[in-house]
Amino acid sequence: MHAVNYKPRMNHSLRSARCIETRTLRKSWFAHFCVGALTLAITSSLMAEDWAQFRGPNCSGISKSEIALPFEFSSQDNVLWSAEIGDGIGSPIVASGRVFNSAMKGKNTVLLFCHEMATGKLLWKRSINTGALLDVHETNSHASTTPAADDKRVYFYFSTVGLMAFDAETGTDAWTLKLPVPYFVFKWGPAMSPVLFDNMVIFCQDDDLNPAMYAVNKETGSIIWKDDRNDMAVNYSHPVICETENGPELIVGGTGKLIGYDPYSGKRLWYAKTLLRNIKTTPVSHNGIIYLSLESSGIANQWLATADRSETGNNDGKLSKEEIQAFVGKAIVPDAFFAKFDQGDTNQDGLLEGPELEKAFLHPDNVAGALSAATVQSQRFVQAIKGGGRGDVTLTHVLWNFADRTPDHIVSPLVVDDRMFVMKGGGITSCFSTGDGEPLWHLRRIPNFCEYFASPIYGDGKIYIAGENGFVVVIQSSPDLQILAKNDMGESIVATPAIADGHLLIRTRTKIFCVAQLPN
């Protein structure tokens, strides 16, 4: 391992003093000259790469630009520009030289920002009234979704408003598609984002009441097709495109199954019963193969671990409606959700116990984790599945499966240079050969012990890993774990960063930073 090039994080008061001093120095003529020179160079020749949706091209987290990216930076160093935008955890995106972000303003207003990437100039800002909102987990934010954009429009979803499109240049309304307001008993809340394919905006929302996926016309906002996913429970996995010899397929993770769709008709082409009860990570598609990582304790275990074993539960291994309501708090649980409870309560004693929990919250035709007993037992795995099949491909298209303590339940994998990189809370990383799934390294810690919600991204031969504590660790893309730097952005990071044309866009809890390799 290379020597680690970083400094311990200073305390808040010292960091604040240093920030004030550094900002003052950076207002010098020389700093303005350097930034201006870099801006002219970029705007004159380089504005070519987009990062137009969550994790960029096909949700892969990979930039193919050969422009150099910095590996040493901070909230003051190598910062081309920054802006205070407000609370949010949705990721930044870039399309046609414009940077889009969302943030909350107060309790009932969401803002959508458009900045010029080269200079940080605010081009426009939209203010959208959300109406009343339910509480979400403190790690989350109501500004949790990531926009998607092309050169004409930016597409944005908000749970109580629906799917919206705005003119990318001016911010004026293009269209709005009202969708069912999702309901989540668990307080993580809405977090799904639209993705783009061909002339369509694809949006998947697997909630507790109306799970469905939509293909929407980019121009008009009309629904091209809809798949009713009532065989799914809550999931947070984004759709990706897999190119196969039979044509493109739309791949979506869900409860118990990975499903391949015809992207033009919405027809289900194949499924692999290899997942567990739910999925929060997004698969990666590369050369006709889908790579995914997953950790899940199962629907039954989740319910018992929250409502029954929480401060409001009685810890008896059974679930009652009263425990669910107490866990939710003041919010009203819809009758439609309690109808699921009733369908599982086979002995009608007012309690869900054992198999009744599965019957209440899972579809009878959806048996999760059928790949192997080891998969079900470990409840954590990484695997590779070949696209292009038809029907049940559980036993025919799974290329390899590695089941152990490796992956995380939120952080998506990164596939680059014939390697699959995964990580989990505490800064524990593993790396596998994409060919056979053999570990190149396993359960190795990077020098940043914290929780992780952002997924790793790649550019210029480097992998960027953003931690909730505000540090970004940079490692070399290599068969060995090689640490290049640890960089302090001064504020918590939950959003996945973006890369475009030598720019690294880092969204902290309240700010957006554009980092680049500035002249010395």
Protein backbone atom coordinates (compact mmCIF):
# COMPACT_ATOMS: atom_id res chain seq x y z
CA MET A 1 0.00 0.00 0.00
CA HIS A 2 1.23 3.48 -0.80
CA ALA A 3 1.81 5.96 1.97
CA VAL A 4 -1.35 7.79 2.95
CA ASN A 5 -1.19 11.49 2.15
CA TYR A 6 -3.63 13.23 4.48
CA LYS A 7 -3.84 15.26 7.68
CA PRO A 8 -6.00 14.66 10.75
CA ARG A 9 -9.21 16.65 10.77
CA MET A 10 -8.90 19.82 12.83
CA ASN A 11 -11.50 20.91 15.34
CA HIS A 12 -14.44 23.08 14.24
CA SER A 13 -13.18 26.41 15.59
CA LEU A 14 -9.75 26.08 14.04
CA ARG A 15 -11.24 24.96 10.75
CA SER A 16 -13.65 27.95 10.74
CA ALA A 17 -10.81 30.38 11.39
CA ARG A 18 -8.76 28.83 8.64
CA CYS A 19 -11.73 28.97 6.24
CA ILE A 20 -12.11 32.73 6.81
CA GLU A 21 -8.41 33.31 6.31
CA THR A 22 -8.27 31.14 3.20
CA ARG A 23 -11.28 32.78 1.59
CA THR A 24 -9.67 36.16 2.08
CA LEU A 25 -6.42 35.04 0.44
CA ARG A 26 -8.28 33.45 -2.47
CA LYS A 27 -9.79 36.79 -3.36
CA SER A 28 -6.40 37.94 -4.53
CA TRP A 29 -5.78 39.00 -8.12
CA PHE A 30 -3.61 35.94 -8.69
CA ALA A 31 -6.32 33.49 -7.64
CA HIS A 32 -8.85 35.21 -9.90
CA PHE A 33 -6.37 35.14 -12.77
CA CYS A 34 -5.73 31.40 -12.37
CA VAL A 35 -9.40 30.53 -12.15
CA GLY A 36 -10.18 32.72 -15.14
CA ALA A 37 -7.45 31.13 -17.23
CA LEU A 38 -8.67 27.65 -16.37
CA THR A 39 -12.27 28.64 -17.14
CA LEU A 40 -11.31 29.97 -20.58
CA ALA A 41 -9.37 26.81 -21.37
CA ILE A 42 -12.25 24.58 -20.35
CA THR A 43 -15.03 26.53 -22.04
CA SER A 44 -13.11 26.88 -25.29
CA SER A 45 -12.41 23.22 -25.92
CA LEU A 46 -13.60 20.70 -23.39
CA MET A 47 -17.35 20.94 -22.71
CA ALA A 48 -18.19 17.52 -24.08
CA GLU A 49 -18.88 15.12 -21.22
CA ASP A 50 -22.22 14.84 -19.45
CA TRP A 51 -23.07 13.18 -16.14
CA ALA A 52 -26.75 13.36 -16.82
CA GLN A 53 -28.34 11.23 -14.07
CA PHE A 54 -27.60 9.42 -10.82
CA ARG A 55 -24.03 8.03 -11.06
CA GLY A 56 -23.67 9.34 -14.59
CA PRO A 57 -23.72 7.22 -17.78
CA ASN A 58 -26.07 4.25 -17.22
CA CYS A 59 -25.74 4.75 -13.45
CA SER A 60 -22.23 3.28 -13.72
CA GLY A 61 -20.25 5.89 -11.77
CA ILE A 62 -17.63 6.03 -14.54
CA SER A 63 -16.19 9.03 -16.37
CA LYS A 64 -14.36 8.19 -19.60
CA SER A 65 -12.80 11.62 -19.98
CA GLU A 66 -9.00 11.67 -20.08
CA ILE A 67 -8.79 15.11 -18.52
CA ALA A 68 -6.73 15.10 -15.32
CA LEU A 69 -8.61 15.13 -12.03
CA PRO A 70 -7.11 16.23 -8.71
CA PHE A 71 -6.57 13.73 -5.93
CA GLU A 72 -5.72 16.36 -3.31
CA PHE A 73 -8.35 19.00 -2.55
CA SER A 74 -10.50 20.36 0.26
CA SER A 75 -13.33 22.83 0.79
CA GLN A 76 -10.75 25.58 0.00
CA ASP A 77 -8.06 23.92 -2.12
CA ASN A 78 -8.48 23.18 -5.84
CA VAL A 79 -12.03 24.57 -5.68
CA LEU A 80 -13.02 26.25 -8.95
CA TRP A 81 -16.26 27.49 -7.39
CA SER A 82 -18.75 26.66 -4.66
CA ALA A 83 -22.28 27.67 -3.75
CA GLU A 84 -24.52 27.48 -0.70
CA ILE A 85 -27.76 25.84 -1.82
CA GLY A 86 -29.45 24.39 1.29
CA ASP A 87 -30.19 21.00 2.81
CA GLY A 88 -30.29 18.00 0.50
CA ILE A 89 -28.74 14.66 -0.36
CA GLY A 90 -29.67 14.33 -4.05
CA SER A 91 -26.61 13.99 -6.27
CA PRO A 92 -25.41 16.71 -8.66
CA ILE A 93 -25.68 16.11 -12.40
CA VAL A 94 -24.15 17.80 -15.45
CA ALA A 95 -25.64 18.22 -18.93
CA SER A 96 -24.47 20.59 -21.69
CA GLY A 97 -22.25 22.54 -19.30
CA ARG A 98 -25.00 23.03 -16.73
CA VAL A 99 -24.97 21.70 -13.15
CA PHE A 100 -28.30 20.80 -11.55
CA ASN A 101 -28.98 20.33 -7.82
CA SER A 102 -31.95 20.27 -5.50
CA ALA A 103 -32.33 21.46 -1.90
CA MET A 104 -35.02 22.13 0.68
CA LYS A 105 -36.00 25.63 1.73
CA GLY A 106 -37.94 25.44 4.97
CA LYS A 107 -40.40 22.61 5.47
CA ASN A 108 -42.58 22.85 2.36
CA THR A 109 -40.46 24.20 -0.49
CA VAL A 110 -37.97 22.38 -2.70
CA LEU A 111 -35.52 24.33 -4.87
CA LEU A 112 -34.00 23.25 -8.17
CA PHE A 113 -30.76 25.02 -9.11
CA CYS A 114 -28.97 25.42 -12.43
CA HIS A 115 -25.35 26.65 -12.33
CA GLU A 116 -22.90 27.15 -15.16
CA MET A 117 -20.25 24.49 -14.68
CA ALA A 118 -17.35 26.56 -15.98
CA THR A 119 -17.89 29.53 -13.66
CA GLY A 120 -20.46 28.61 -11.00
CA LYS A 121 -22.77 31.39 -12.18
CA LEU A 122 -26.38 30.79 -11.10
CA LEU A 123 -28.33 30.54 -14.36
CA TRP A 124 -31.76 29.96 -12.80
CA LYS A 125 -33.53 28.64 -9.72
CA ARG A 126 -37.00 27.17 -9.38
CA SER A 127 -39.03 27.14 -6.16
CA ILE A 128 -41.65 24.38 -5.88
CA ASN A 129 -44.28 24.10 -3.17
CA THR A 130 -44.40 20.55 -1.83
CA GLY A 131 -47.41 20.68 0.48
CA ALA A 132 -47.35 18.82 3.79
CA LEU A 133 -44.62 16.21 4.14
CA LEU A 134 -44.20 13.22 6.44
CA ASP A 135 -41.13 12.90 8.65
CA VAL A 136 -38.10 11.12 7.25
CA HIS A 137 -35.01 9.66 8.88
CA GLU A 138 -32.49 12.29 10.00
CA THR A 139 -29.88 10.98 7.56
CA ASN A 140 -32.30 11.51 4.72
CA SER A 141 -33.70 14.78 3.39
CA HIS A 142 -36.89 15.53 1.52
CA ALA A 143 -34.53 16.78 -1.21
CA SER A 144 -33.29 13.23 -1.70
CA THR A 145 -33.76 12.57 -5.40
CA THR A 146 -31.31 13.26 -8.21
CA PRO A 147 -32.45 15.08 -11.38
CA ALA A 148 -31.76 13.80 -14.88
CA ALA A 149 -31.12 16.08 -17.85
CA ASP A 150 -30.33 16.36 -21.53
CA ASP A 151 -29.55 19.39 -23.66
CA LYS A 152 -33.23 20.42 -23.77
CA ARG A 153 -34.81 19.63 -20.41
CA VAL A 154 -34.10 18.72 -16.82
CA TYR A 155 -36.34 16.04 -15.27
CA PHE A 156 -37.01 16.10 -11.55
CA TYR A 157 -39.14 14.02 -9.21
CA PHE A 158 -40.66 15.00 -5.90
CA SER A 159 -42.94 12.67 -3.99
CA THR A 160 -45.91 15.00 -3.46
CA VAL A 161 -45.65 16.79 -6.82
CA GLY A 162 -44.77 14.05 -9.30
CA LEU A 163 -42.39 13.89 -12.24
CA MET A 164 -41.58 17.33 -13.65
CA ALA A 165 -39.69 18.64 -16.67
CA PHE A 166 -38.22 22.14 -17.06
CA ASP A 167 -36.49 23.87 -19.91
CA ALA A 168 -32.79 23.31 -19.23
CA GLU A 169 -31.75 26.76 -20.44
CA THR A 170 -34.42 28.91 -18.82
CA GLY A 171 -36.03 26.79 -16.08
CA THR A 172 -39.53 27.36 -17.43
CA ASP A 173 -42.16 24.62 -17.13
CA ALA A 174 -42.24 21.93 -19.81
CA TRP A 175 -44.65 19.39 -18.29
CA THR A 176 -45.71 17.72 -15.04
CA LEU A 177 -46.90 14.14 -14.60
CA LYS A 178 -48.81 13.53 -11.40
CA LEU A 179 -48.04 10.11 -9.88
CA PRO A 180 -49.40 8.35 -6.80
CA VAL A 181 -47.81 9.81 -3.69
CA PRO A 182 -45.62 6.98 -2.35
CA TYR A 183 -46.10 5.63 1.15
CA PHE A 184 -43.28 4.21 3.25
CA VAL A 185 -43.81 2.80 6.72
CA PHE A 186 -40.08 2.82 7.36
CA LYS A 187 -39.00 6.44 7.75
CA TRP A 188 -36.28 6.47 5.12
CA GLY A 189 -38.89 7.89 2.76
CA PRO A 190 -38.73 8.58 -1.01
CA ALA A 191 -35.29 8.47 -2.63
CA MET A 192 -35.78 7.24 -6.19
CA SER A 193 -34.63 9.25 -9.19
CA PRO A 194 -35.49 9.28 -12.91
CA VAL A 195 -33.05 7.87 -15.47
CA LEU A 196 -32.92 8.42 -19.24
CA PHE A 197 -33.01 6.03 -22.18
CA ASP A 198 -33.63 6.91 -25.82
CA ASN A 199 -36.70 9.21 -25.91
CA MET A 200 -37.89 8.10 -22.48
CA VAL A 201 -37.66 9.04 -18.84
CA ILE A 202 -37.69 5.81 -16.81
CA PHE A 203 -38.91 6.00 -13.24
CA CYS A 204 -39.29 3.14 -10.76
CA GLN A 205 -41.02 3.65 -7.41
CA ASP A 206 -41.32 0.52 -5.26
CA ASP A 207 -43.15 1.73 -2.18
CA ASP A 208 -45.43 0.06 0.37
CA LEU A 209 -48.70 0.69 -1.50
CA ASN A 210 -48.35 1.33 -5.24
CA PRO A 211 -45.05 -0.13 -6.52
CA ALA A 212 -44.72 0.54 -10.25
CA MET A 213 -42.32 1.49 -13.02
CA TYR A 214 -43.08 4.05 -15.72
CA ALA A 215 -41.66 4.91 -19.12
CA VAL A 216 -42.53 8.52 -19.94
CA ASN A 217 -42.16 10.42 -23.21
CA LYS A 218 -39.44 13.06 -22.79
CA GLU A 219 -41.19 15.57 -25.03
CA THR A 220 -44.74 15.39 -23.71
CA GLY A 221 -44.69 13.77 -20.26
CA SER A 222 -47.22 11.15 -21.39
CA ILE A 223 -46.88 7.57 -20.12
CA ILE A 224 -45.60 5.20 -22.82
CA TRP A 225 -45.95 2.11 -20.61
CA LYS A 226 -46.36 1.19 -16.97
CA ASP A 227 -45.49 -2.03 -15.15
CA ASP A 228 -47.50 -2.75 -12.01
CA ARG A 229 -44.90 -4.13 -9.59
CA ASN A 230 -47.29 -5.25 -6.87
CA ASP A 231 -45.16 -8.37 -6.45
CA MET A 232 -42.50 -6.09 -4.93
CA ALA A 233 -42.00 -4.63 -1.49
CA VAL A 234 -39.99 -1.46 -0.82
CA ASN A 235 -36.86 -1.16 -3.00
CA TYR A 236 -34.50 1.67 -3.91
CA SER A 237 -32.64 0.28 -6.93
CA HIS A 238 -32.36 2.34 -10.13
CA PRO A 239 -33.00 0.84 -13.59
CA VAL A 240 -29.99 0.32 -15.88
CA ILE A 241 -29.62 -0.70 -19.52
CA CYS A 242 -27.91 -3.96 -20.47
CA GLU A 243 -26.83 -4.29 -24.10
CA THR A 244 -27.29 -7.89 -25.30
CA GLU A 245 -27.20 -9.72 -28.62
CA ASN A 246 -31.01 -9.61 -28.50
CA GLY A 247 -31.02 -5.84 -28.10
CA PRO A 248 -31.09 -3.49 -25.09
CA GLU A 249 -32.76 -4.66 -21.88
CA LEU A 250 -33.93 -2.59 -18.94
CA ILE A 251 -32.67 -4.21 -15.73
CA VAL A 252 -34.27 -3.48 -12.37
CA GLY A 253 -33.60 -4.98 -8.95
CA GLY A 254 -36.51 -5.70 -6.66
CA THR A 255 -37.87 -7.91 -3.91
CA GLY A 256 -36.47 -11.38 -4.46
CA LYS A 257 -35.83 -10.87 -8.17
CA LEU A 258 -33.63 -9.16 -10.70
CA ILE A 259 -35.88 -8.51 -13.71
CA GLY A 260 -35.03 -7.82 -17.34
CA TYR A 261 -37.58 -5.77 -19.34
CA ASP A 262 -38.07 -4.83 -22.97
CA PRO A 263 -37.42 -1.08 -22.56
CA TYR A 264 -39.79 -0.15 -25.41
CA SER A 265 -42.85 -2.14 -24.34
CA GLY A 266 -42.34 -2.76 -20.61
CA LYS A 267 -42.74 -6.51 -21.11
CA ARG A 268 -40.89 -8.66 -18.56
CA LEU A 269 -38.40 -10.80 -20.47
CA TRP A 270 -36.61 -12.68 -17.70
CA TYR A 271 -36.01 -12.84 -14.00
CA ALA A 272 -33.39 -14.29 -11.66
CA LYS A 273 -34.61 -15.29 -8.19
CA THR A 274 -31.29 -14.45 -6.63
CA LEU A 275 -32.03 -11.38 -4.55
CA LEU A 276 -33.28 -11.17 -1.00
CA ARG A 277 -36.21 -9.29 0.46
CA ASN A 278 -35.29 -5.84 -0.80
CA ILE A 279 -32.49 -3.95 -2.51
CA LYS A 280 -31.17 -0.42 -2.06
CA THR A 281 -28.09 -0.67 -4.28
CA THR A 282 -28.11 -0.09 -8.05
CA PRO A 283 -26.63 -2.79 -10.32
CA VAL A 284 -23.92 -2.04 -12.87
CA SER A 285 -24.18 -3.31 -16.45
CA HIS A 286 -20.98 -3.95 -18.41
CA ASN A 287 -20.50 -5.92 -21.65
CA GLY A 288 -23.84 -7.71 -21.37
CA ILE A 289 -23.35 -8.72 -17.74
CA ILE A 290 -25.08 -7.28 -14.70
CA TYR A 291 -23.01 -6.94 -11.53
CA LEU A 292 -24.75 -6.33 -8.24
CA SER A 293 -24.08 -6.27 -4.53
CA LEU A 294 -26.69 -6.64 -1.85
CA GLU A 295 -27.26 -6.82 1.88
CA SER A 296 -30.73 -7.40 3.29
CA SER A 297 -32.04 -8.80 6.54
CA GLY A 298 -35.45 -9.56 5.03
CA ILE A 299 -38.91 -8.07 5.39
CA ALA A 300 -39.83 -10.12 8.47
CA ASN A 301 -36.58 -9.32 10.24
CA GLN A 302 -36.89 -5.64 9.38
CA TRP A 303 -40.36 -5.40 10.86
CA LEU A 304 -39.40 -7.19 14.03
CA ALA A 305 -36.19 -5.17 14.36
CA THR A 306 -38.06 -1.89 14.10
CA ALA A 307 -41.66 -1.93 15.32
CA ASP A 308 -41.49 -4.93 17.66
CA ARG A 309 -37.99 -4.40 19.07
CA SER A 310 -38.06 -0.61 19.16
CA GLU A 311 -38.82 1.52 22.19
CA THR A 312 -42.51 1.39 21.29
CA GLY A 313 -42.63 -2.40 20.82
CA ASN A 314 -42.85 -5.22 23.36
CA ASN A 315 -40.08 -7.42 21.90
CA ASP A 316 -42.19 -10.60 21.85
CA GLY A 317 -41.31 -11.69 18.31
CA LYS A 318 -44.79 -10.79 17.07
CA LEU A 319 -46.11 -7.74 15.25
CA SER A 320 -49.35 -5.92 16.01
CA LYS A 321 -51.11 -3.02 14.31
CA GLU A 322 -50.63 -1.04 17.51
CA GLU A 323 -46.85 -1.53 17.32
CA ILE A 324 -46.82 -0.37 13.69
CA GLN A 325 -48.84 2.73 14.53
CA ALA A 326 -46.66 3.51 17.55
CA PHE A 327 -43.53 3.09 15.43
CA VAL A 328 -44.90 5.41 12.72
CA GLY A 329 -45.92 8.03 15.29
CA LYS A 330 -48.53 10.68 14.58
CA ALA A 331 -48.78 9.90 10.88
CA ILE A 332 -51.89 7.98 9.83
CA VAL A 333 -51.22 4.50 8.45
CA PRO A 334 -53.41 4.04 5.33
CA ASP A 335 -56.14 1.41 5.46
CA ALA A 336 -54.68 -0.13 2.30
CA PHE A 337 -51.48 -0.90 4.16
CA PHE A 338 -53.28 -2.47 7.11
CA ALA A 339 -55.19 -4.58 4.56
CA LYS A 340 -51.83 -6.26 3.86
CA PHE A 341 -51.54 -6.94 7.57
CA ASP A 342 -54.96 -8.61 7.56
CA GLN A 343 -54.12 -10.86 4.61
CA GLY A 344 -51.16 -12.22 6.53
CA ASP A 345 -53.01 -12.71 9.81
CA THR A 346 -54.20 -16.21 8.94
CA ASN A 347 -55.28 -17.17 12.47
CA GLN A 348 -56.94 -13.77 12.97
CA ASP A 349 -55.41 -13.20 16.39
CA GLY A 350 -54.41 -9.61 15.54
CA LEU A 351 -50.72 -10.53 15.44
CA LEU A 352 -48.24 -11.44 12.71
CA GLU A 353 -45.81 -14.17 13.64
CA GLY A 354 -43.35 -16.31 11.68
CA PRO A 355 -44.61 -17.14 8.16
CA GLU A 356 -47.49 -14.70 8.60
CA LEU A 357 -45.04 -11.82 8.24
CA GLU A 358 -43.92 -13.14 4.87
CA LYS A 359 -47.51 -13.69 3.72
CA ALA A 360 -48.49 -10.16 4.72
CA PHE A 361 -45.71 -8.23 3.00
CA LEU A 362 -44.49 -10.49 0.17
CA HIS A 363 -46.18 -11.69 -3.00
CA PRO A 364 -47.00 -15.43 -2.88
CA ASP A 365 -45.18 -16.04 -6.18
CA ASN A 366 -42.05 -14.21 -5.11
CA VAL A 367 -39.72 -16.49 -3.16
CA ALA A 368 -36.57 -14.52 -2.43
CA GLY A 369 -33.04 -15.90 -2.38
CA ALA A 370 -33.63 -19.09 -4.37
CA LEU A 371 -30.06 -19.26 -5.71
CA SER A 372 -28.70 -21.23 -2.78
CA ALA A 373 -29.16 -21.81 0.90
CA ALA A 374 -25.84 -20.02 1.48
CA THR A 375 -27.21 -16.88 -0.17
CA VAL A 376 -30.25 -16.82 2.08
CA GLN A 377 -28.21 -17.50 5.18
CA SER A 378 -25.48 -14.94 4.55
CA GLN A 379 -27.94 -12.27 3.33
CA ARG A 380 -24.97 -10.44 1.75
CA PHE A 381 -23.45 -11.19 -1.62
CA VAL A 382 -21.94 -9.94 -4.84
CA GLN A 383 -22.77 -11.65 -8.10
CA ALA A 384 -22.69 -11.48 -11.89
CA ILE A 385 -25.67 -12.36 -14.08
CA LYS A 386 -25.60 -12.57 -17.87
CA GLY A 387 -28.31 -10.61 -19.66
CA GLY A 388 -30.25 -11.75 -22.71
CA GLY A 389 -32.08 -14.72 -21.21
CA ARG A 390 -35.78 -15.49 -21.25
CA GLY A 391 -38.05 -16.71 -18.48
CA ASP A 392 -36.53 -17.97 -15.23
CA VAL A 393 -32.74 -17.68 -15.61
CA THR A 394 -31.90 -18.36 -11.96
CA LEU A 395 -30.01 -21.56 -12.73
CA THR A 396 -28.76 -20.71 -16.22
CA HIS A 397 -27.42 -17.14 -16.27
CA VAL A 398 -25.79 -16.58 -12.88
CA LEU A 399 -22.08 -16.55 -13.76
CA TRP A 400 -20.74 -16.35 -10.23
CA ASN A 401 -21.84 -15.57 -6.73
CA PHE A 402 -19.76 -14.60 -3.69
CA ALA A 403 -21.70 -14.72 -0.43
CA ASP A 404 -20.15 -13.40 2.78
CA ARG A 405 -19.79 -10.21 4.84
CA THR A 406 -18.54 -8.15 1.89
CA PRO A 407 -21.19 -5.67 0.63
CA ASP A 408 -23.18 -2.80 2.06
CA HIS A 409 -26.97 -2.33 1.89
CA ILE A 410 -26.81 1.19 0.36
CA VAL A 411 -23.46 1.70 -1.44
CA SER A 412 -23.62 0.53 -5.07
CA PRO A 413 -20.72 -1.37 -6.69
CA LEU A 414 -18.20 0.07 -9.15
CA VAL A 415 -17.07 -2.00 -12.15
CA VAL A 416 -13.99 -0.73 -13.98
CA ASP A 417 -10.76 -2.18 -15.44
CA ASP A 418 -12.14 -5.76 -15.20
CA ARG A 419 -12.61 -5.33 -11.46
CA MET A 420 -15.65 -4.98 -9.22
CA PHE A 421 -15.11 -2.70 -6.25
CA VAL A 422 -17.50 -2.74 -3.29
CA MET A 423 -17.46 -1.13 0.12
CA LYS A 424 -19.45 -0.97 3.32
CA GLY A 425 -19.84 1.09 6.47
CA GLY A 426 -16.68 1.66 8.46
CA GLY A 427 -14.64 2.07 5.27
CA ILE A 428 -14.30 -1.66 4.55
CA THR A 429 -13.53 -2.39 0.89
CA SER A 430 -13.27 -5.49 -1.26
CA CYS A 431 -12.36 -5.98 -4.91
CA PHE A 432 -13.20 -8.90 -7.22
CA SER A 433 -12.20 -10.05 -10.68
CA THR A 434 -15.21 -9.57 -12.95
CA GLY A 435 -14.25 -12.71 -14.87
CA ASP A 436 -14.68 -15.29 -12.12
CA GLY A 437 -15.56 -13.39 -8.95
CA GLU A 438 -12.30 -14.23 -7.22
CA PRO A 439 -11.28 -11.65 -4.59
CA LEU A 440 -8.30 -9.46 -5.46
CA TRP A 441 -8.48 -8.06 -1.96
CA HIS A 442 -11.06 -8.68 0.72
CA LEU A 443 -12.36 -6.66 3.68
CA ARG A 444 -9.55 -4.07 3.64
CA ARG A 445 -10.16 -0.79 5.46
CA ILE A 446 -9.51 2.64 3.96
CA PRO A 447 -8.35 5.38 6.39
CA ASN A 448 -11.80 6.86 7.03
CA PHE A 449 -13.93 5.14 9.65
CA CYS A 450 -17.54 6.36 9.23
CA GLU A 451 -20.85 5.50 7.62
CA TYR A 452 -21.12 5.54 3.83
CA PHE A 453 -24.17 6.46 1.75
CA ALA A 454 -22.54 7.87 -1.40
CA SER A 455 -21.43 5.32 -3.99
CA PRO A 456 -17.86 5.27 -5.38
CA ILE A 457 -17.14 6.91 -8.73
CA TYR A 458 -14.22 6.64 -11.17
CA GLY A 459 -12.30 9.09 -13.35
CA ASP A 460 -8.73 9.58 -14.59
CA GLY A 461 -7.59 6.24 -13.15
CA LYS A 462 -8.83 7.15 -9.66
CA ILE A 463 -11.71 6.02 -7.47
CA TYR A 464 -13.38 8.65 -5.28
CA ILE A 465 -15.11 7.48 -2.08
CA ALA A 466 -17.14 10.06 -0.15
CA GLY A 467 -17.91 9.42 3.53
CA GLU A 468 -20.75 10.74 5.64
CA ASN A 469 -18.20 12.51 7.86
CA GLY A 470 -17.21 14.82 4.98
CA PHE A 471 -13.94 13.19 3.90
CA VAL A 472 -13.33 11.99 0.35
CA VAL A 473 -10.77 9.20 0.08
CA VAL A 474 -9.07 8.78 -3.29
CA ILE A 475 -7.57 5.43 -4.28
CA GLN A 476 -5.80 4.27 -7.41
CA SER A 477 -7.76 1.94 -9.69
CA SER A 478 -5.49 -1.04 -9.27
CA PRO A 479 -5.49 -4.77 -8.39
CA ASP A 480 -4.04 -3.67 -5.05
CA LEU A 481 -5.51 -1.20 -2.58
CA GLN A 482 -3.46 1.98 -3.05
CA ILE A 483 -4.48 5.07 -1.07
CA LEU A 484 -3.67 8.39 -2.75
CA ALA A 485 -5.23 10.97 -0.43
CA LYS A 486 -7.86 11.78 2.16
CA ASN A 487 -9.59 15.12 1.63
CA ASP A 488 -11.72 17.13 4.06
CA MET A 489 -14.75 18.89 2.55
CA GLY A 490 -15.78 20.26 5.94
CA GLU A 491 -19.38 18.97 5.96
CA SER A 492 -21.25 15.68 5.83
CA ILE A 493 -21.58 14.00 2.41
CA VAL A 494 -24.46 11.66 1.61
CA ALA A 495 -24.86 12.43 -2.10
CA THR A 496 -22.78 10.61 -4.71
CA PRO A 497 -20.37 13.05 -6.44
CA ALA A 498 -20.29 13.62 -10.21
CA ILE A 499 -17.49 13.92 -12.78
CA ALA A 500 -17.54 15.85 -16.06
CA ASP A 501 -14.64 17.12 -18.18
CA GLY A 502 -12.06 17.35 -15.43
CA HIS A 503 -14.53 18.68 -12.87
CA LEU A 504 -15.43 16.83 -9.68
CA LEU A 505 -18.81 18.00 -8.36
CA ILE A 506 -19.20 17.29 -4.64
CA ARG A 507 -22.53 17.93 -2.94
CA THR A 508 -22.19 18.24 0.82
CA ARG A 509 -25.21 18.56 3.09
CA THR A 510 -25.77 22.25 2.26
CA LYS A 511 -23.23 23.20 -0.45
CA ILE A 512 -22.04 22.29 -3.92
CA PHE A 513 -18.30 22.33 -4.73
CA CYS A 514 -16.75 22.22 -8.18
CA VAL A 515 -13.25 20.81 -7.75
CA ALA A 516 -10.64 20.81 -10.51
CA GLN A 517 -6.87 20.68 -10.99
CA LEU A 518 -6.10 24.39 -10.58
CA PRO A 519 -2.77 25.95 -11.57
CA ASN A 520 -0.20 26.28 -8.75
